[in-house]
Amino acid sequence: MTKKQILVVSELLKERYVLSKSIKDNTQLLDDVLMSADTKRRIRERCGLKESHFQVIWGLLRKKGVIV
């Protein structure tokens, strides 16, 4: 994985951890909120990526099975 991919995955995991403190008993809801457009936007902004570059990285992570 590239440094940018690792950065996106680390931000995704951090976001999941933060959300899991609020959403404790419903993993489906947690996953839905984690994969929402707002959450992806926050991750993209924290990583300092343009939307098009972020979408490419997101697609590669899906292709590699990192994101399901």
Protein backbone atom coordinates (compact mmCIF):
# COMPACT_ATOMS: atom_id res chain seq x y z
CA MET A 1 0.00 0.00 0.00
CA THR A 2 1.09 3.55 -0.67
CA LYS A 3 1.51 6.18 2.05
CA LYS A 4 -1.69 7.92 0.95
CA GLN A 5 -3.64 4.65 1.09
CA ILE A 6 -2.29 3.98 4.57
CA LEU A 7 -3.25 7.51 5.60
CA VAL A 8 -6.83 7.01 4.37
CA VAL A 9 -7.13 3.62 6.11
CA SER A 10 -5.76 5.04 9.36
CA GLU A 11 -8.24 7.93 9.26
CA LEU A 12 -11.04 5.47 8.51
CA LEU A 13 -10.09 3.34 11.51
CA LYS A 14 -9.82 6.41 13.72
CA GLU A 15 -13.26 7.57 12.61
CA ARG A 16 -14.71 4.10 13.27
CA TYR A 17 -13.22 4.12 16.77
CA VAL A 18 -14.71 7.53 17.56
CA LEU A 19 -18.13 6.52 16.18
CA SER A 20 -18.05 3.22 18.09
CA LYS A 21 -18.03 5.16 21.36
CA SER A 22 -21.44 6.61 20.46
CA ILE A 23 -22.95 3.70 18.51
CA LYS A 24 -22.36 0.69 20.73
CA ASP A 25 -25.07 -1.87 20.12
CA ASN A 26 -25.77 -1.57 16.41
CA THR A 27 -22.86 -2.51 14.16
CA GLN A 28 -24.96 -2.11 10.99
CA LEU A 29 -25.75 1.49 11.90
CA LEU A 30 -22.09 2.06 12.76
CA ASP A 31 -21.02 0.76 9.34
CA ASP A 32 -23.68 2.83 7.58
CA VAL A 33 -22.58 6.02 9.31
CA LEU A 34 -18.92 5.19 8.70
CA MET A 35 -19.49 4.81 4.96
CA SER A 36 -21.72 7.88 4.63
CA ALA A 37 -20.79 10.73 2.32
CA ASP A 38 -20.24 13.09 5.27
CA THR A 39 -17.78 10.73 6.93
CA LYS A 40 -15.89 10.17 3.69
CA ARG A 41 -15.71 13.94 3.18
CA ARG A 42 -14.26 14.45 6.67
CA ILE A 43 -11.68 11.72 6.06
CA ARG A 44 -10.78 13.22 2.67
CA GLU A 45 -10.37 16.69 4.18
CA ARG A 46 -8.22 15.42 7.06
CA CYS A 47 -6.00 13.63 4.55
CA GLY A 48 -5.76 16.77 2.43
CA LEU A 49 -6.83 15.02 -0.77
CA LYS A 50 -8.84 16.29 -3.72
CA GLU A 51 -12.09 14.43 -4.25
CA SER A 52 -10.94 12.73 -7.45
CA HIS A 53 -7.71 11.45 -5.86
CA PHE A 54 -9.64 10.27 -2.80
CA GLN A 55 -12.09 8.36 -5.01
CA VAL A 56 -9.22 6.61 -6.79
CA ILE A 57 -7.66 5.60 -3.46
CA TRP A 58 -11.05 4.48 -2.10
CA GLY A 59 -11.63 2.33 -5.19
CA LEU A 60 -8.18 0.75 -4.93
CA LEU A 61 -8.77 -0.05 -1.27
CA ARG A 62 -12.07 -1.72 -2.19
CA LYS A 63 -10.37 -3.67 -4.96
CA LYS A 64 -7.70 -4.86 -2.51
CA GLY A 65 -10.38 -5.95 -0.03
CA VAL A 66 -9.34 -3.47 2.64
CA ILE A 67 -12.75 -1.78 2.48
CA VAL A 68 -15.78 -3.96 2.00
